[in-house]
Amino acid sequence: MEHSLKELCPTLTPEELNQAEENLERYVKLAVRVFQRISQDPKAHRRLIRSIERENAKMCTTADIDADDKKFESNQEMAEHDYIGLL
């Protein structure tokens, strides 16, 4: 089933709808770039997996930050660092 942004967000003004469409297009392009980068780079893939594992551990417990990652203030900061490194 397909829906347009106008159907999903009927209260948006034409200007807001245009901005939402542009934002969605940029987001999809970014997601494709990230996917392509990870697909072609084993190191980037490992970093993504490590970041996902940290987030999963954080959701399950109050896991401590690994000793080698103490330069980061939080798991969130560490995950953001890893994600930005993928771009």
Protein backbone atom coordinates (compact mmCIF):
# COMPACT_ATOMS: atom_id res chain seq x y z
CA MET A 1 0.00 0.00 0.00
CA GLU A 2 1.41 3.38 -0.99
CA HIS A 3 0.56 6.75 0.47
CA SER A 4 1.64 10.22 -0.45
CA LEU A 5 3.01 12.65 2.12
CA LYS A 6 -0.10 14.75 1.55
CA GLU A 7 -2.27 11.79 2.56
CA LEU A 8 -0.09 11.05 5.59
CA CYS A 9 0.15 14.69 6.69
CA PRO A 10 -3.05 16.37 5.49
CA THR A 11 -2.65 19.43 7.73
CA LEU A 12 0.64 20.58 6.17
CA THR A 13 0.63 23.78 4.14
CA PRO A 14 1.93 23.54 0.57
CA GLU A 15 5.23 25.06 1.73
CA GLU A 16 5.52 22.58 4.62
CA LEU A 17 4.63 19.70 2.31
CA ASN A 18 7.33 20.79 -0.15
CA GLN A 19 9.89 21.00 2.68
CA ALA A 20 8.82 17.56 3.99
CA GLU A 21 9.25 16.04 0.53
CA GLU A 22 12.72 17.59 0.18
CA ASN A 23 13.69 16.33 3.65
CA LEU A 24 12.45 12.83 2.84
CA GLU A 25 14.40 12.80 -0.43
CA ARG A 26 17.61 13.88 1.36
CA TYR A 27 17.04 11.25 4.06
CA VAL A 28 16.59 8.46 1.51
CA LYS A 29 19.73 9.56 -0.35
CA LEU A 30 21.66 9.52 2.92
CA ALA A 31 20.33 6.06 3.81
CA VAL A 32 21.41 4.76 0.40
CA ARG A 33 24.90 6.28 0.83
CA VAL A 34 25.26 4.68 4.26
CA PHE A 35 24.11 1.31 2.89
CA GLN A 36 26.51 1.51 -0.06
CA ARG A 37 29.41 2.51 2.16
CA ILE A 38 28.76 -0.28 4.65
CA SER A 39 28.31 -2.81 1.84
CA GLN A 40 31.71 -1.95 0.39
CA ASP A 41 33.74 -1.48 3.58
CA PRO A 42 34.20 -4.35 6.07
CA LYS A 43 35.63 -1.94 8.66
CA ALA A 44 32.56 0.29 8.45
CA HIS A 45 30.35 -2.79 8.74
CA ARG A 46 32.14 -3.87 11.93
CA ARG A 47 31.77 -0.36 13.37
CA LEU A 48 28.04 -0.40 12.65
CA ILE A 49 27.64 -3.82 14.27
CA ARG A 50 29.59 -2.64 17.31
CA SER A 51 27.39 0.44 17.59
CA ILE A 52 24.21 -1.64 17.33
CA GLU A 53 25.50 -4.06 19.95
CA ARG A 54 26.19 -1.14 22.31
CA GLU A 55 22.69 0.22 21.82
CA ASN A 56 21.19 -3.23 22.42
CA ALA A 57 23.25 -3.64 25.59
CA LYS A 58 22.21 -0.18 26.77
CA MET A 59 18.55 -1.08 26.31
CA CYS A 60 18.94 -4.36 28.19
CA THR A 61 21.19 -3.19 31.03
CA THR A 62 23.11 -0.20 32.24
CA ALA A 63 26.25 -1.57 30.59
CA ASP A 64 29.55 0.14 31.34
CA ILE A 65 31.46 1.80 28.56
CA ASP A 66 34.35 -0.34 27.33
CA ALA A 67 37.78 0.63 28.65
CA ASP A 68 38.99 1.57 25.18
CA ASP A 69 36.04 3.92 24.71
CA LYS A 70 36.39 5.95 27.92
CA LYS A 71 37.13 9.09 25.93
CA PHE A 72 33.39 9.29 25.25
CA GLU A 73 31.02 10.77 27.82
CA SER A 74 28.22 8.30 27.06
CA ASN A 75 27.16 5.37 24.90
CA GLN A 76 25.09 7.83 22.86
CA GLU A 77 28.13 9.98 22.11
CA MET A 78 30.12 6.86 21.19
CA ALA A 79 27.33 5.62 18.86
CA GLU A 80 27.09 9.03 17.19
CA HIS A 81 30.85 9.06 16.66
CA ASP A 82 30.72 5.61 15.06
CA TYR A 83 27.74 6.57 12.87
CA ILE A 84 29.33 9.81 11.65
CA GLY A 85 32.47 7.85 10.79
CA LEU A 86 30.38 5.80 8.34
CA LEU A 87 29.49 8.84 6.23
